[in-house]
Structure formats: structure tokens, C-alpha cells
Amino acid sequence: MPYDMINPATGDVLTTLDLMTAGEAKAIIDKADQAQRAWQQTTFAERAVRMHRVAANLRENASQLAHLMAMEMGKPLAAGRGEIEKCAGLCEFYAEHAEAYLRDEPIATDATRSRIVYRPLGLIFGVMPWNFPFWQVFRFAVPALMAGNGAVLKPALNVAGCALETEKLFTNAGFPEHVFSALLVEHEVAGELMALDAVQGVTITGSVRAGRAVAATAGRALKKTVLELGGSDPFIVLEDADLQLAVNLAVRGRLHNGGQTCIAAKRFIVVEAVREAFEARFVEAMRQKTVGSPLNAATDVGPLARHDLRDTLHEQVQRSIAGGARCVLGGTLPDGPGAYYPITVLTDVPPGTPAYDDELFGPAAAIIPVADEAEAIRVANDTRFGLGAVVCTRDTARGERIAAYELEAGNCFVNALVKSDPRLPFGGVKASGYGRELSTHGIREFVNVKTVYVA
């Protein structure tokens, strides 16, 4: 079946893909299964050598890969190069730490000897999105491969070229053919593939709807799953916050990747005492940012990745205004080609509107005024999501208390933006999913935690 890949900056067709049939994809999974069985016999040192080569290949080809992202999903070139560097760092991190994370653990029991052993599960099936077409893939594949698993990728089809380049990066670094495989298939075919005996685990980064579908399919086949889903991340500005720092963070947090990230700050919950000052500075700072071609070095925000995503965002903005929010910046569809959307700020956003209740995936911010800290915490938690959260306050002990004990999210940052760091576990609660990526927790999600007991 053909699939047209569209350049979101121009609306032009980049190329037409011939998607794989279910039979073709199953044949590749059979080969991947055999490749993984050999791969799991390698040592950590042998895996690490190859993973370091991947890091070197990423850096060597950073400009080319950034350009590919710009063409396929509209990411500005500088942001694309940053994504590639982050992937290279992740490869190096797990090359250096995987063996220690999965080392046998002796446990004192009534046995002569007893220990915990971490062994690979087999093939891990990743369903990955378009917003970070390399980072999201590397985030699941690198620890999986270092643990001795194989990795099979079902990418978003609008970034198929990035998926195929990722496959080449691993193969060119000396990984066995098929131990990492990209499958260009439709969602219905992906569901069939997850149920195959060779697939031992499934991980998805995507929407709540996609997460539910994948979890249901994998659950019927008794596959272990990790879900990293949406977020409507609160960004709390308390009355004692450093306002300039808060504004700087807020602008960066909302516009990172054009606002197309699950951990982007989305709901700006501002204590009334500083609301007017924060709002004025924030709107002006947002006004200064440039929307334009991802190939232009001066561009801060490129197009959204697809036209349907742009239309969905605009509908959410308009419904929020109709529900009582005030639009103080942007909010109007531009003329001309491309999936561009203006930088938009809504204020006095009430409950029951999309800007309050849902995830706005694009450069649109929602300001929600509150009376005090208690109301700020209540509003922050008044969401079905629970991925990330930010607290801005000069009293770091106060901020740490709120982050650690009050906020219902998997990643809570004080006076800093939420980010994924290989040293720290990453994931959410509530409708933002379950399981963790990165750190020792991430690499242990898809291994057999085995008890060995010798009487």
C-alpha cells in the first residue's frame, strides 16, 4: 500500500513509500528473532564497542540527520543537531553503565548460594512517534540492545526516513543484521506483529488513545508493556518566584520542539499576586519568537509535523476561547502553504475547556490564575495526566516539598524544565502511562529478573 510522505513546511510530497505487508514484516521478525538469539550470547564489552561506534556515527552524520528531520517533521536544524547529540550521549551512557546495572546480585538466604540474575527477554517491539524521531527510538532501543535484547521499530510513517537511517546506524556500527529492524507498516499490521511469539515486550510513546490500543493488544498476548503517553504538564509560578527566570523557563518549555512534546510546559498556573507581571513579560517574550522554515537558522518554531495536527490544535484553541478563555496572542490560522501555527497565549483559562483539560500539542500556552499555593497544587493535579511538572519559587526547600510530596507526576522539577536524563528514570502516572525508561530502572523493564537458588 502506498503512503505519501509530506513536507510539513511546504505541503509537497517528499516521497511515496511502499508499505510492508504483514507477511513481509513477519519474515523480518523471524530474522530478528534469530539475530537476537545470537546477540544475547555476546558480552557487555562487545556490545559496548558497537554502541560507541553508533555514537561516533551519529556525530559524524549530525547535519545530514538534522536536515532529514527538518524535511520530514519540520524540526529546526539546530534543534535537530541537539537531538542527535543527545542520542550519541545516550549510547555512550549505556555502553559504560549497562553491565553494572545488570550485574548479578548475591542475596543472603537460607540457601548455600542465592542471587538475582538479569537476562534478556528477546525481541522488544517499539511503537514510536514522530516528534523526536531519533531520540524516542534510541531511548528504548539502546538499553534494550545493551541488555542483549533485539529491537523492532514501528515508526510513525511521516518520519520513515529517520527510522531507516536509524537501522543503518546500528548496522554500520557492527550490530548483526536484523537485531535492530524498522518495519514500515500500518497500525493494524503492527497489532498482528505484537502478538507473535517472538515478541517478548512492547513499548510505546504516543497518545493516550494509542497507548490504550497497544496495551490492550499486548495484554491479550501477555506481553510486558511500558507506556509513555501524553501530558498536560503544570508549570507553577508562586508569589516568591524569580519572575525573569520563570518567564525564560516558561517560553523555552512551551516552545521546545514547537510545543510538540509530552513534557512541554502547557498549563501555566500563576499565583494572582504575580500574575499580571508574569503574563505581561511572558506574552512579550513569546511575541519575540520567530515562526518560519525549519531550514532557516533564525527560526525558533517550525511548522507542526502534519496539517491534521495543526487543524486539531486550532480547534482546541477556538473551543477554549468559546469556553471563556481570552486570547492575548496568536490564535489565527496563517495564510499560505505549510502546517504553520502562530505562537499563541490564552489566559483566564477555565476548567472544561481543551486548554485546561487536554494536551495542546503545539505552540499554544494556557495561563490559569490561582489564589495561593494550595490552589496551585490543586489545579496542577486537576488533570488525568501525570507526566511532568515544574515549580518556580525562590524557596527551594518549599519547591522540593511540593515536587516530592504534593504533585501527581513522574518527573517534578524545581526552577528547571522537565527533561529526560539517562541517569534518571523517566515516565508518568495516571493517563500518562506506566513503567520507566532510562537509568537502571529503564534497562530492567525488559529483562527476566531471575532468582537462582542453590540449596
Protein backbone atom coordinates (compact mmCIF):
# COMPACT_ATOMS: atom_id res chain seq x y z
CA MET A 1 0.00 0.00 0.00
CA PRO A 2 1.46 3.42 -0.91
CA TYR A 3 1.95 6.18 1.67
CA ASP A 4 2.81 9.78 0.72
CA MET A 5 5.35 11.47 2.99
CA ILE A 6 4.58 15.22 3.13
CA ASN A 7 7.00 18.05 3.86
CA PRO A 8 5.10 19.96 6.58
CA ALA A 9 6.82 23.25 5.71
CA THR A 10 5.65 23.25 2.09
CA GLY A 11 2.92 20.64 1.72
CA ASP A 12 4.92 18.96 -1.06
CA VAL A 13 5.22 15.18 -1.35
CA LEU A 14 8.72 14.11 -0.31
CA THR A 15 8.37 10.52 -1.47
CA THR A 16 5.84 7.72 -1.69
CA LEU A 17 6.52 4.66 0.43
CA ASP A 18 5.56 1.10 -0.39
CA LEU A 19 4.45 -0.18 2.99
CA MET A 20 5.28 -3.72 4.06
CA THR A 21 2.63 -6.40 4.05
CA ALA A 22 2.01 -8.41 7.20
CA GLY A 23 3.82 -11.36 5.61
CA GLU A 24 6.90 -9.30 4.76
CA ALA A 25 7.04 -7.84 8.26
CA LYS A 26 6.65 -11.27 9.89
CA ALA A 27 9.55 -12.57 7.82
CA ILE A 28 11.74 -9.77 9.14
CA ILE A 29 10.66 -10.52 12.71
CA ASP A 30 11.66 -14.16 12.20
CA LYS A 31 15.11 -12.98 11.12
CA ALA A 32 15.26 -10.55 14.05
CA ASP A 33 14.41 -13.38 16.43
CA GLN A 34 17.32 -15.44 15.16
CA ALA A 35 19.66 -12.44 15.27
CA GLN A 36 18.69 -11.71 18.88
CA ARG A 37 19.37 -15.28 20.00
CA ALA A 38 22.96 -14.90 18.80
CA TRP A 39 23.25 -11.34 20.09
CA GLN A 40 22.34 -12.29 23.65
CA GLN A 41 25.42 -14.51 23.77
CA THR A 42 27.76 -11.53 23.32
CA THR A 43 29.49 -9.89 26.25
CA PHE A 44 28.73 -6.41 27.55
CA ALA A 45 32.17 -5.34 26.35
CA GLU A 46 31.40 -6.50 22.80
CA ARG A 47 28.06 -4.67 22.84
CA ALA A 48 29.67 -1.52 24.22
CA VAL A 49 32.24 -1.35 21.42
CA ARG A 50 29.47 -1.30 18.85
CA MET A 51 27.39 1.19 20.82
CA HIS A 52 30.32 3.60 20.98
CA ARG A 53 30.57 3.29 17.19
CA VAL A 54 26.91 4.27 16.88
CA ALA A 55 27.64 7.39 18.95
CA ALA A 56 30.53 8.27 16.65
CA ASN A 57 28.41 7.67 13.54
CA LEU A 58 25.65 9.90 14.92
CA ARG A 59 28.04 12.80 15.47
CA GLU A 60 29.67 12.32 12.08
CA ASN A 61 26.28 12.49 10.33
CA ALA A 62 24.57 15.02 12.61
CA SER A 63 23.97 17.67 9.94
CA GLN A 64 22.52 15.17 7.45
CA LEU A 65 20.22 13.64 10.08
CA ALA A 66 19.08 17.07 11.29
CA HIS A 67 18.21 18.02 7.72
CA LEU A 68 16.20 14.82 7.36
CA MET A 69 14.18 15.69 10.48
CA ALA A 70 13.58 19.20 9.15
CA MET A 71 12.20 17.81 5.91
CA GLU A 72 10.08 15.03 7.42
CA MET A 73 8.62 16.66 10.55
CA GLY A 74 9.65 20.34 10.49
CA LYS A 75 12.23 20.42 13.29
CA PRO A 76 14.58 23.45 13.05
CA LEU A 77 18.13 22.42 12.17
CA ALA A 78 19.75 23.49 15.44
CA ALA A 79 17.18 21.50 17.43
CA GLY A 80 17.80 18.51 15.18
CA ARG A 81 21.54 18.61 15.79
CA GLY A 82 20.83 18.83 19.51
CA GLU A 83 18.64 15.73 19.31
CA ILE A 84 21.38 13.78 17.56
CA GLU A 85 23.96 14.78 20.18
CA LYS A 86 21.59 13.65 22.93
CA CYS A 87 21.26 10.27 21.21
CA ALA A 88 25.04 9.94 21.00
CA GLY A 89 25.35 10.70 24.70
CA LEU A 90 22.73 8.06 25.49
CA CYS A 91 24.69 5.44 23.52
CA GLU A 92 27.83 6.26 25.47
CA PHE A 93 26.00 6.25 28.79
CA TYR A 94 24.61 2.73 28.42
CA ALA A 95 27.82 1.46 26.83
CA GLU A 96 29.53 2.49 30.05
CA HIS A 97 26.85 1.56 32.62
CA ALA A 98 24.76 -1.34 31.30
CA GLU A 99 26.99 -4.06 32.75
CA ALA A 100 26.88 -2.53 36.24
CA TYR A 101 23.10 -2.06 36.04
CA LEU A 102 22.60 -5.73 35.15
CA ARG A 103 25.29 -7.31 37.31
CA ASP A 104 24.29 -10.41 39.30
CA GLU A 105 23.18 -9.58 42.84
CA PRO A 106 24.04 -12.07 45.62
CA ILE A 107 21.24 -12.29 48.21
CA ALA A 108 21.68 -13.79 51.68
CA THR A 109 19.03 -16.50 52.28
CA ASP A 110 18.96 -19.97 53.84
CA ALA A 111 20.45 -21.34 50.60
CA THR A 112 24.10 -22.17 50.11
CA ARG A 113 24.02 -19.55 47.37
CA SER A 114 21.21 -17.40 46.03
CA ARG A 115 21.29 -14.49 43.66
CA ILE A 116 19.29 -12.33 41.25
CA VAL A 117 20.30 -12.62 37.60
CA TYR A 118 19.15 -10.23 34.87
CA ARG A 119 18.73 -11.93 31.50
CA PRO A 120 17.42 -10.58 28.18
CA LEU A 121 13.81 -11.27 27.28
CA GLY A 122 14.13 -11.38 23.47
CA LEU A 123 12.62 -9.03 20.89
CA ILE A 124 11.21 -5.72 22.14
CA PHE A 125 8.63 -4.10 19.85
CA GLY A 126 8.71 -0.29 19.95
CA VAL A 127 5.86 1.88 18.65
CA MET A 128 7.41 5.31 18.39
CA PRO A 129 6.13 8.80 17.43
CA TRP A 130 7.28 11.49 15.04
CA ASN A 131 8.14 14.37 17.41
CA PHE A 132 11.63 13.12 18.33
CA PRO A 133 12.19 10.59 15.55
CA PHE A 134 15.68 9.61 16.71
CA TRP A 135 15.64 10.28 20.47
CA GLN A 136 12.43 8.37 21.17
CA VAL A 137 13.72 5.36 19.25
CA PHE A 138 17.16 5.41 20.86
CA ARG A 139 15.61 5.80 24.30
CA PHE A 140 14.03 2.36 24.08
CA ALA A 141 16.46 0.63 21.69
CA VAL A 142 19.81 1.46 23.28
CA PRO A 143 19.13 -0.06 26.72
CA ALA A 144 17.27 -2.97 25.09
CA LEU A 145 20.24 -3.81 22.87
CA MET A 146 22.78 -3.36 25.65
CA ALA A 147 20.75 -5.80 27.76
CA GLY A 148 21.05 -8.40 24.98
CA ASN A 149 17.57 -7.95 23.55
CA GLY A 150 16.66 -7.24 19.96
CA ALA A 151 14.68 -4.15 18.96
CA VAL A 152 11.92 -3.92 16.35
CA LEU A 153 10.60 -0.47 15.49
CA LYS A 154 7.19 0.51 14.17
CA PRO A 155 7.77 4.23 13.47
CA ALA A 156 5.30 6.98 12.67
CA LEU A 157 5.21 6.79 8.88
CA ASN A 158 5.75 10.51 8.36
CA VAL A 159 9.30 10.01 9.72
CA ALA A 160 10.01 6.72 7.95
CA GLY A 161 13.26 8.04 6.54
CA CYS A 162 14.56 8.67 10.05
CA ALA A 163 13.63 5.10 11.02
CA LEU A 164 15.52 3.63 8.08
CA GLU A 165 18.54 5.79 8.86
CA THR A 166 18.46 4.52 12.45
CA GLU A 167 18.58 0.95 11.18
CA LYS A 168 21.63 1.84 9.08
CA LEU A 169 23.34 3.49 12.04
CA PHE A 170 23.21 0.27 14.05
CA THR A 171 24.14 -1.99 11.14
CA ASN A 172 27.06 0.24 10.08
CA ALA A 173 28.36 0.15 13.66
CA GLY A 174 28.67 -3.64 13.55
CA PHE A 175 25.41 -4.76 15.10
CA PRO A 176 24.19 -8.00 13.49
CA GLU A 177 21.75 -7.51 10.64
CA HIS A 178 18.13 -7.50 11.86
CA VAL A 179 18.97 -7.20 15.58
CA PHE A 180 17.50 -3.71 15.11
CA SER A 181 14.82 -3.62 12.43
CA ALA A 182 12.47 -0.89 11.22
CA LEU A 183 9.07 -2.07 9.99
CA LEU A 184 7.11 0.33 7.78
CA VAL A 185 3.63 -0.99 8.44
CA GLU A 186 0.18 0.33 9.23
CA HIS A 187 -1.24 0.24 12.77
CA GLU A 188 -3.44 -2.77 12.02
CA VAL A 189 -0.45 -4.81 10.91
CA ALA A 190 1.53 -3.69 13.96
CA GLY A 191 -1.17 -5.18 16.16
CA GLU A 192 -0.73 -8.57 14.46
CA LEU A 193 3.04 -8.40 14.90
CA MET A 194 2.86 -7.70 18.63
CA ALA A 195 1.06 -10.99 19.17
CA LEU A 196 3.82 -13.08 17.56
CA ASP A 197 5.63 -15.49 19.88
CA ALA A 198 8.99 -13.93 19.01
CA VAL A 199 7.93 -10.58 20.51
CA GLN A 200 8.52 -10.56 24.26
CA GLY A 201 7.78 -6.95 25.19
CA VAL A 202 6.12 -3.84 23.79
CA THR A 203 6.84 -0.20 24.47
CA ILE A 204 5.04 2.83 23.10
CA THR A 205 5.47 6.57 23.25
CA GLY A 206 2.33 8.23 21.96
CA SER A 207 -1.17 9.42 22.68
CA VAL A 208 -3.47 8.04 25.37
CA ARG A 209 -5.68 6.52 22.67
CA ALA A 210 -2.71 4.77 21.05
CA GLY A 211 -1.45 3.63 24.45
CA ARG A 212 -4.78 2.04 25.32
CA ALA A 213 -4.87 0.21 21.99
CA VAL A 214 -1.30 -1.08 22.32
CA ALA A 215 -1.78 -2.09 25.97
CA ALA A 216 -4.96 -3.98 25.10
CA THR A 217 -3.35 -5.79 22.17
CA ALA A 218 -0.20 -6.63 24.12
CA GLY A 219 -2.21 -7.63 27.18
CA ARG A 220 -4.24 -10.17 25.22
CA ALA A 221 -0.96 -11.73 24.11
CA LEU A 222 0.54 -11.47 27.65
CA LYS A 223 3.37 -9.17 26.60
CA LYS A 224 5.14 -6.92 29.10
CA THR A 225 4.48 -3.25 28.27
CA VAL A 226 5.88 0.19 29.04
CA LEU A 227 3.64 3.15 28.14
CA GLU A 228 4.87 6.75 27.88
CA LEU A 229 1.80 8.72 26.87
CA GLY A 230 0.55 12.29 26.83
CA GLY A 231 0.92 15.09 29.32
CA SER A 232 -0.68 18.39 30.23
CA ASP A 233 2.23 19.48 32.35
CA PRO A 234 1.64 22.17 35.00
CA PHE A 235 4.15 24.99 35.41
CA ILE A 236 3.53 26.62 38.81
CA VAL A 237 4.69 30.20 39.44
CA LEU A 238 4.48 31.01 43.15
CA GLU A 239 4.39 34.53 44.58
CA ASP A 240 8.07 34.39 45.60
CA ALA A 241 9.34 33.17 42.20
CA ASP A 242 12.17 34.85 40.33
CA LEU A 243 9.89 36.18 37.59
CA GLN A 244 12.55 36.62 34.93
CA LEU A 245 13.75 33.06 35.46
CA ALA A 246 10.15 31.83 35.41
CA VAL A 247 9.41 33.66 32.15
CA ASN A 248 12.60 32.40 30.49
CA LEU A 249 11.82 28.84 31.50
CA ALA A 250 8.17 29.17 30.51
CA VAL A 251 8.98 30.35 26.99
CA ARG A 252 11.57 27.63 26.45
CA GLY A 253 9.34 25.00 27.98
CA ARG A 254 6.30 25.85 25.88
CA LEU A 255 8.13 26.30 22.57
CA HIS A 256 10.61 23.41 22.79
CA ASN A 257 10.17 21.33 19.63
CA GLY A 258 7.41 23.73 18.60
CA GLY A 259 5.43 22.69 21.67
CA GLN A 260 5.19 19.17 20.25
CA THR A 261 6.48 17.24 23.23
CA CYS A 262 4.68 15.40 26.00
CA ILE A 263 6.83 17.06 28.68
CA ALA A 264 6.46 20.61 27.36
CA ALA A 265 5.09 23.02 29.96
CA LYS A 266 1.47 23.55 28.93
CA ARG A 267 -0.63 24.91 31.82
CA PHE A 268 0.95 27.98 33.47
CA ILE A 269 -0.58 28.15 36.93
CA VAL A 270 0.28 31.57 38.34
CA VAL A 271 -0.46 32.92 41.83
CA GLU A 272 -2.57 36.07 41.49
CA ALA A 273 -0.05 38.26 43.33
CA VAL A 274 2.39 37.98 40.40
CA ARG A 275 0.00 37.02 37.63
CA GLU A 276 -0.15 40.44 35.91
CA ALA A 277 3.63 40.88 35.87
CA PHE A 278 4.29 37.32 34.72
CA GLU A 279 1.66 37.46 31.99
CA ALA A 280 2.94 40.75 30.55
CA ARG A 281 6.53 39.53 30.39
CA PHE A 282 5.58 36.11 29.11
CA VAL A 283 3.38 37.41 26.28
CA GLU A 284 6.07 39.86 25.17
CA ALA A 285 8.77 37.20 25.23
CA MET A 286 6.58 34.83 23.22
CA ARG A 287 5.84 37.63 20.74
CA GLN A 288 9.56 37.97 20.02
CA LYS A 289 9.97 34.37 18.84
CA THR A 290 10.04 33.60 15.13
CA VAL A 291 7.89 31.05 13.32
CA GLY A 292 9.32 30.01 9.97
CA SER A 293 11.10 27.48 7.80
CA PRO A 294 12.99 24.81 9.73
CA LEU A 295 15.88 25.32 7.30
CA ASN A 296 16.29 28.97 8.36
CA ALA A 297 18.83 29.46 11.15
CA ALA A 298 16.74 32.34 12.58
CA THR A 299 13.67 30.16 13.10
CA ASP A 300 12.60 29.40 16.67
CA VAL A 301 9.45 27.44 15.82
CA GLY A 302 8.93 25.47 12.62
CA PRO A 303 5.68 24.07 11.25
CA LEU A 304 3.71 21.44 13.08
CA ALA A 305 4.57 17.96 11.85
CA ARG A 306 1.34 17.43 9.90
CA HIS A 307 -1.58 19.54 8.70
CA ASP A 308 -4.13 17.50 10.64
CA LEU A 309 -2.20 18.21 13.85
CA ARG A 310 -2.29 21.93 13.08
CA ASP A 311 -6.04 21.76 12.50
CA THR A 312 -6.62 19.88 15.75
CA LEU A 313 -4.63 22.45 17.73
CA HIS A 314 -6.55 25.34 16.18
CA GLU A 315 -9.85 23.68 17.01
CA GLN A 316 -8.73 23.26 20.64
CA VAL A 317 -7.73 26.92 20.84
CA GLN A 318 -11.02 28.11 19.37
CA ARG A 319 -13.09 25.88 21.66
CA SER A 320 -11.16 27.20 24.64
CA ILE A 321 -11.91 30.79 23.64
CA ALA A 322 -15.55 29.92 23.14
CA GLY A 323 -15.50 28.41 26.64
CA GLY A 324 -14.29 31.62 28.28
CA ALA A 325 -10.52 31.84 27.78
CA ARG A 326 -9.09 35.12 26.49
CA CYS A 327 -6.64 35.04 23.58
CA VAL A 328 -3.89 37.64 24.14
CA LEU A 329 -1.52 36.46 21.40
CA GLY A 330 -1.92 34.50 18.16
CA GLY A 331 -4.85 32.17 17.69
CA THR A 332 -5.39 32.85 13.97
CA LEU A 333 -4.57 30.42 11.17
CA PRO A 334 -1.99 31.89 8.78
CA ASP A 335 -2.39 32.00 5.02
CA GLY A 336 -0.04 30.15 2.72
CA PRO A 337 1.37 26.64 2.46
CA GLY A 338 2.74 24.58 5.30
CA ALA A 339 1.41 23.37 8.65
CA TYR A 340 2.37 26.55 10.48
CA TYR A 341 0.60 27.79 13.60
CA PRO A 342 1.21 31.12 15.32
CA ILE A 343 2.63 31.30 18.83
CA THR A 344 -0.50 31.62 20.94
CA VAL A 345 -1.22 32.59 24.55
CA LEU A 346 -4.58 32.07 26.23
CA THR A 347 -5.30 33.48 29.69
CA ASP A 348 -8.04 33.15 32.32
CA VAL A 349 -8.45 29.59 31.07
CA PRO A 350 -11.39 27.92 32.84
CA PRO A 351 -11.97 24.23 33.61
CA GLY A 352 -13.94 22.38 31.00
CA THR A 353 -12.00 23.83 28.06
CA PRO A 354 -9.40 21.95 26.00
CA ALA A 355 -6.60 24.29 27.12
CA TYR A 356 -7.34 23.34 30.74
CA ASP A 357 -8.29 19.68 30.38
CA ASP A 358 -6.41 18.34 27.36
CA GLU A 359 -2.96 18.29 25.83
CA LEU A 360 -2.24 21.15 23.42
CA PHE A 361 0.44 19.75 21.12
CA GLY A 362 1.88 22.88 19.57
CA PRO A 363 2.96 26.45 20.39
CA ALA A 364 -0.13 27.41 22.42
CA ALA A 365 0.09 28.25 26.14
CA ALA A 366 -2.66 28.38 28.79
CA ILE A 367 -2.41 30.75 31.78
CA ILE A 368 -4.54 29.79 34.78
CA PRO A 369 -4.58 32.28 37.70
CA VAL A 370 -4.87 30.90 41.26
CA ALA A 371 -5.10 32.48 44.70
CA ASP A 372 -2.26 30.73 46.51
CA GLU A 373 -0.01 27.69 46.81
CA ALA A 374 -2.82 25.37 47.90
CA GLU A 375 -4.95 26.22 44.89
CA ALA A 376 -1.93 25.99 42.60
CA ILE A 377 -1.31 22.40 43.75
CA ARG A 378 -5.00 21.53 43.39
CA VAL A 379 -5.14 22.88 39.83
CA ALA A 380 -1.83 21.23 38.92
CA ASN A 381 -3.24 17.86 39.95
CA ASP A 382 -6.65 18.54 38.37
CA THR A 383 -5.80 16.55 35.24
CA ARG A 384 -5.99 12.98 34.05
CA PHE A 385 -2.30 13.23 33.11
CA GLY A 386 0.75 12.86 35.33
CA LEU A 387 3.98 13.09 33.34
CA GLY A 388 5.93 16.24 34.29
CA ALA A 389 5.59 19.33 36.47
CA VAL A 390 7.59 22.47 37.26
CA VAL A 391 7.58 24.67 40.38
CA CYS A 392 9.15 28.14 40.37
CA THR A 393 10.00 29.59 43.78
CA ARG A 394 12.99 31.26 45.44
CA ASP A 395 12.47 28.97 48.44
CA THR A 396 13.99 25.77 47.11
CA ALA A 397 13.02 23.77 50.21
CA ARG A 398 9.41 24.80 49.61
CA GLY A 399 9.68 23.84 45.95
CA GLU A 400 11.25 20.48 46.75
CA ARG A 401 8.48 19.69 49.25
CA ILE A 402 5.82 20.45 46.64
CA ALA A 403 7.67 18.49 43.94
CA ALA A 404 8.32 15.46 46.13
CA TYR A 405 5.10 15.15 48.09
CA GLU A 406 2.32 17.24 46.54
CA LEU A 407 2.41 16.88 42.76
CA GLU A 408 0.98 13.84 40.98
CA ALA A 409 3.56 13.37 38.23
CA GLY A 410 6.51 11.15 37.43
CA ASN A 411 9.01 13.96 36.81
CA CYS A 412 8.90 17.04 39.04
CA PHE A 413 11.46 19.83 38.62
CA VAL A 414 12.11 22.94 40.73
CA ASN A 415 13.29 26.10 38.92
CA ALA A 416 14.19 23.98 35.89
CA LEU A 417 12.46 22.48 32.89
CA VAL A 418 11.39 18.86 32.82
CA LYS A 419 13.79 16.82 30.70
CA SER A 420 14.80 13.21 30.18
CA ASP A 421 18.26 12.38 31.52
CA PRO A 422 19.88 8.93 31.11
CA ARG A 423 20.85 8.99 34.80
CA LEU A 424 17.25 9.38 35.99
CA PRO A 425 14.12 7.28 35.46
CA PHE A 426 11.56 8.81 33.10
CA GLY A 427 7.84 8.06 32.94
CA GLY A 428 4.42 9.03 34.22
CA VAL A 429 1.40 8.12 36.31
CA LYS A 430 -2.36 8.23 35.71
CA ALA A 431 -3.18 8.55 31.99
CA SER A 432 0.44 9.39 31.20
CA GLY A 433 1.23 5.70 31.36
CA TYR A 434 3.30 3.30 33.42
CA GLY A 435 6.77 1.80 33.52
CA ARG A 436 10.02 3.72 33.26
CA GLU A 437 12.65 4.45 30.65
CA LEU A 438 16.31 5.38 31.21
CA SER A 439 18.57 4.83 34.25
CA THR A 440 18.82 1.44 35.90
CA HIS A 441 15.00 1.29 36.08
CA GLY A 442 14.63 1.57 32.30
CA ILE A 443 17.10 -1.13 31.33
CA ARG A 444 15.49 -3.52 33.83
CA GLU A 445 11.98 -3.13 32.39
CA PHE A 446 12.65 -5.67 29.65
CA VAL A 447 14.79 -8.31 31.31
CA ASN A 448 13.99 -11.52 33.11
CA VAL A 449 14.64 -10.76 36.79
CA LYS A 450 15.56 -14.31 37.62
CA THR A 451 16.01 -15.93 41.04
CA VAL A 452 18.80 -18.51 41.27
CA TYR A 453 18.74 -20.66 44.44
CA VAL A 454 21.32 -23.32 45.25
CA ALA A 455 20.48 -25.47 48.29
